[in-house]
N, C-alpha and C. Protein backbone atom coordinates (compact mmCIF):
# COMPACT_ATOMS: atom_id res chain seq x y z
N MET A 1 106.19 198.75 37.21
CA MET A 1 106.56 198.52 38.48
C MET A 1 106.74 196.98 38.71
N TYR A 2 105.79 196.18 38.16
CA TYR A 2 106.00 194.76 38.35
C TYR A 2 107.22 194.17 37.55
N GLY A 3 107.43 194.76 36.45
CA GLY A 3 108.62 194.37 35.72
C GLY A 3 109.97 194.83 36.49
N TRP A 4 110.03 195.86 37.12
CA TRP A 4 111.11 196.23 38.09
C TRP A 4 111.21 195.38 39.08
N ILE A 5 110.18 194.93 39.81
CA ILE A 5 110.29 193.93 40.89
C ILE A 5 110.72 192.55 40.47
N TRP A 6 110.22 192.25 39.25
CA TRP A 6 110.52 190.94 38.62
C TRP A 6 112.02 190.90 38.35
N LYS A 7 112.52 191.83 37.77
CA LYS A 7 114.03 191.99 37.41
C LYS A 7 114.87 191.99 38.63
N HIS A 8 114.53 192.39 39.73
CA HIS A 8 115.35 192.48 40.91
C HIS A 8 115.19 191.31 41.87
N LEU A 9 114.34 190.34 41.51
CA LEU A 9 114.25 189.28 42.32
C LEU A 9 115.26 188.14 42.01
N PRO A 10 115.88 187.43 42.98
CA PRO A 10 116.83 186.54 42.63
C PRO A 10 116.41 185.25 42.16
N GLY A 11 117.10 184.36 41.50
CA GLY A 11 116.71 183.08 41.11
C GLY A 11 116.23 182.90 39.74
N ASN A 12 115.83 181.73 39.39
CA ASN A 12 115.06 181.50 38.03
C ASN A 12 113.75 181.78 38.19
N VAL A 13 113.04 181.37 37.05
CA VAL A 13 111.59 181.75 36.93
C VAL A 13 110.72 181.19 38.01
N TRP A 14 111.10 179.85 38.44
CA TRP A 14 110.21 179.34 39.53
C TRP A 14 110.52 179.87 40.90
N VAL A 15 111.74 180.26 41.16
CA VAL A 15 112.03 180.93 42.52
C VAL A 15 111.47 182.22 42.56
N ARG A 16 111.55 182.97 41.44
CA ARG A 16 110.96 184.34 41.27
C ARG A 16 109.43 184.27 41.48
N GLY A 17 108.79 183.21 40.89
CA GLY A 17 107.40 183.07 41.05
C GLY A 17 107.01 182.75 42.58
N LEU A 18 107.71 181.95 43.16
CA LEU A 18 107.53 181.57 44.59
C LEU A 18 107.75 182.84 45.50
N ILE A 19 108.73 183.61 45.22
CA ILE A 19 109.03 184.87 46.11
C ILE A 19 107.87 185.85 45.75
N SER A 20 107.47 185.97 44.51
CA SER A 20 106.41 186.83 44.18
C SER A 20 105.08 186.37 44.95
N LEU A 21 104.81 185.14 44.99
CA LEU A 21 103.63 184.62 45.71
C LEU A 21 103.71 185.11 47.19
N VAL A 22 104.84 184.68 47.71
CA VAL A 22 105.03 185.08 49.24
C VAL A 22 104.90 186.57 49.46
N LEU A 23 105.44 187.36 48.57
CA LEU A 23 105.32 188.88 48.73
C LEU A 23 103.78 189.18 48.74
N ALA A 24 103.08 188.70 47.71
CA ALA A 24 101.75 189.04 47.56
C ALA A 24 100.89 188.64 48.76
N LEU A 25 101.19 187.45 49.29
CA LEU A 25 100.42 186.95 50.47
C LEU A 25 100.76 187.89 51.66
N ALA A 26 102.11 188.28 51.75
CA ALA A 26 102.40 189.14 52.86
C ALA A 26 101.67 190.52 52.80
N VAL A 27 101.50 191.04 51.64
CA VAL A 27 100.86 192.37 51.38
C VAL A 27 99.43 192.06 51.89
N VAL A 28 98.80 191.07 51.33
CA VAL A 28 97.34 190.72 51.81
C VAL A 28 97.25 190.62 53.23
N TYR A 29 98.19 189.94 53.89
CA TYR A 29 98.19 189.74 55.44
C TYR A 29 98.23 191.09 56.19
N VAL A 30 99.21 191.92 55.75
CA VAL A 30 99.40 193.29 56.34
C VAL A 30 98.09 194.13 56.19
N LEU A 31 97.61 194.02 54.94
CA LEU A 31 96.26 194.86 54.67
C LEU A 31 95.21 194.43 55.58
N PHE A 32 95.01 193.17 55.81
CA PHE A 32 93.86 192.58 56.49
C PHE A 32 94.04 192.74 58.04
N GLN A 33 95.30 192.59 58.52
CA GLN A 33 95.56 192.61 59.92
C GLN A 33 95.83 194.05 60.51
N TYR A 34 96.33 194.93 59.53
CA TYR A 34 96.72 196.28 60.16
C TYR A 34 95.95 197.35 59.44
N VAL A 35 96.01 197.54 58.16
CA VAL A 35 95.49 198.65 57.45
C VAL A 35 93.99 198.74 57.48
N PHE A 36 93.34 197.69 57.15
CA PHE A 36 91.79 197.72 57.00
C PHE A 36 91.14 197.92 58.41
N PRO A 37 91.56 197.23 59.50
CA PRO A 37 91.09 197.59 60.85
C PRO A 37 91.28 198.94 61.26
N TRP A 38 92.43 199.64 60.92
CA TRP A 38 92.69 200.98 61.21
C TRP A 38 91.75 201.92 60.45
N ALA A 39 91.51 201.67 59.13
CA ALA A 39 90.79 202.54 58.26
C ALA A 39 89.25 202.38 58.47
N GLU A 40 88.84 201.16 58.93
CA GLU A 40 87.43 200.89 58.99
C GLU A 40 86.55 202.03 59.82
N PRO A 41 86.99 202.49 60.93
CA PRO A 41 86.16 203.57 61.58
C PRO A 41 86.13 204.83 60.83
N LEU A 42 87.07 205.00 59.92
CA LEU A 42 87.18 206.33 59.16
C LEU A 42 86.21 206.34 57.98
N LEU A 43 85.71 205.10 57.49
CA LEU A 43 84.90 204.95 56.28
C LEU A 43 83.36 205.11 56.75
N PRO A 44 82.57 205.51 55.80
CA PRO A 44 81.21 205.87 56.12
C PRO A 44 80.25 204.63 55.75
N PHE A 45 80.81 203.46 55.84
CA PHE A 45 79.89 202.38 55.50
C PHE A 45 78.88 201.94 56.59
N GLY A 46 79.06 202.36 57.79
CA GLY A 46 78.21 202.12 58.83
C GLY A 46 76.97 203.17 58.93
N ASP A 47 77.12 204.14 58.13
CA ASP A 47 76.08 205.23 58.17
C ASP A 47 74.95 204.84 57.18
N VAL A 48 74.11 204.05 57.51
CA VAL A 48 72.99 203.60 56.67
C VAL A 48 71.72 204.34 56.87
N THR A 49 70.81 204.59 56.04
CA THR A 49 69.62 205.29 56.23
C THR A 49 68.47 204.58 55.81
N VAL A 50 68.67 203.32 55.70
CA VAL A 50 67.53 202.39 55.25
C VAL A 50 66.62 202.12 56.39
N ASP A 51 65.29 202.53 56.33
CA ASP A 51 64.47 202.23 57.49
C ASP A 51 63.13 201.61 57.01
N GLY A 52 62.98 201.29 55.75
CA GLY A 52 61.84 200.48 55.30
C GLY A 52 60.58 201.24 55.16
N THR A 53 60.53 202.65 55.37
CA THR A 53 59.32 203.32 55.26
C THR A 53 59.05 204.07 53.93
N SER A 54 59.93 203.93 53.03
CA SER A 54 59.68 204.65 51.77
C SER A 54 58.78 203.82 50.93
N GLY A 55 58.03 204.48 49.93
CA GLY A 55 57.05 203.80 49.09
C GLY A 55 57.54 203.22 47.79
N THR A 56 58.78 203.44 47.55
CA THR A 56 59.40 202.99 46.32
C THR A 56 60.40 201.85 46.54
N GLY A 57 59.82 200.66 46.77
CA GLY A 57 60.82 199.55 46.92
C GLY A 57 60.41 198.40 46.02
N ALA A 58 61.27 197.44 45.90
CA ALA A 58 61.09 196.33 44.94
C ALA A 58 60.03 195.44 45.46
N GLY A 59 59.68 195.39 46.80
CA GLY A 59 58.67 194.64 47.34
C GLY A 59 57.23 195.27 47.29
N GLN A 60 57.16 196.36 46.83
CA GLN A 60 55.84 197.10 46.86
C GLN A 60 55.30 197.32 45.34
């Protein structure tokens, strides 16, 4: 996949590298601004069951 993208980018190696960097930053931006906030309520990371009453802990 990356080889296909690299072959289809215009310019020499430096221009392709710059375009690849911009594309990667754009993907990260879209993920953090739109995809992750949309998916966050769907994930179970907020359902914690730690209450500190079990007898098997590192501090005991």
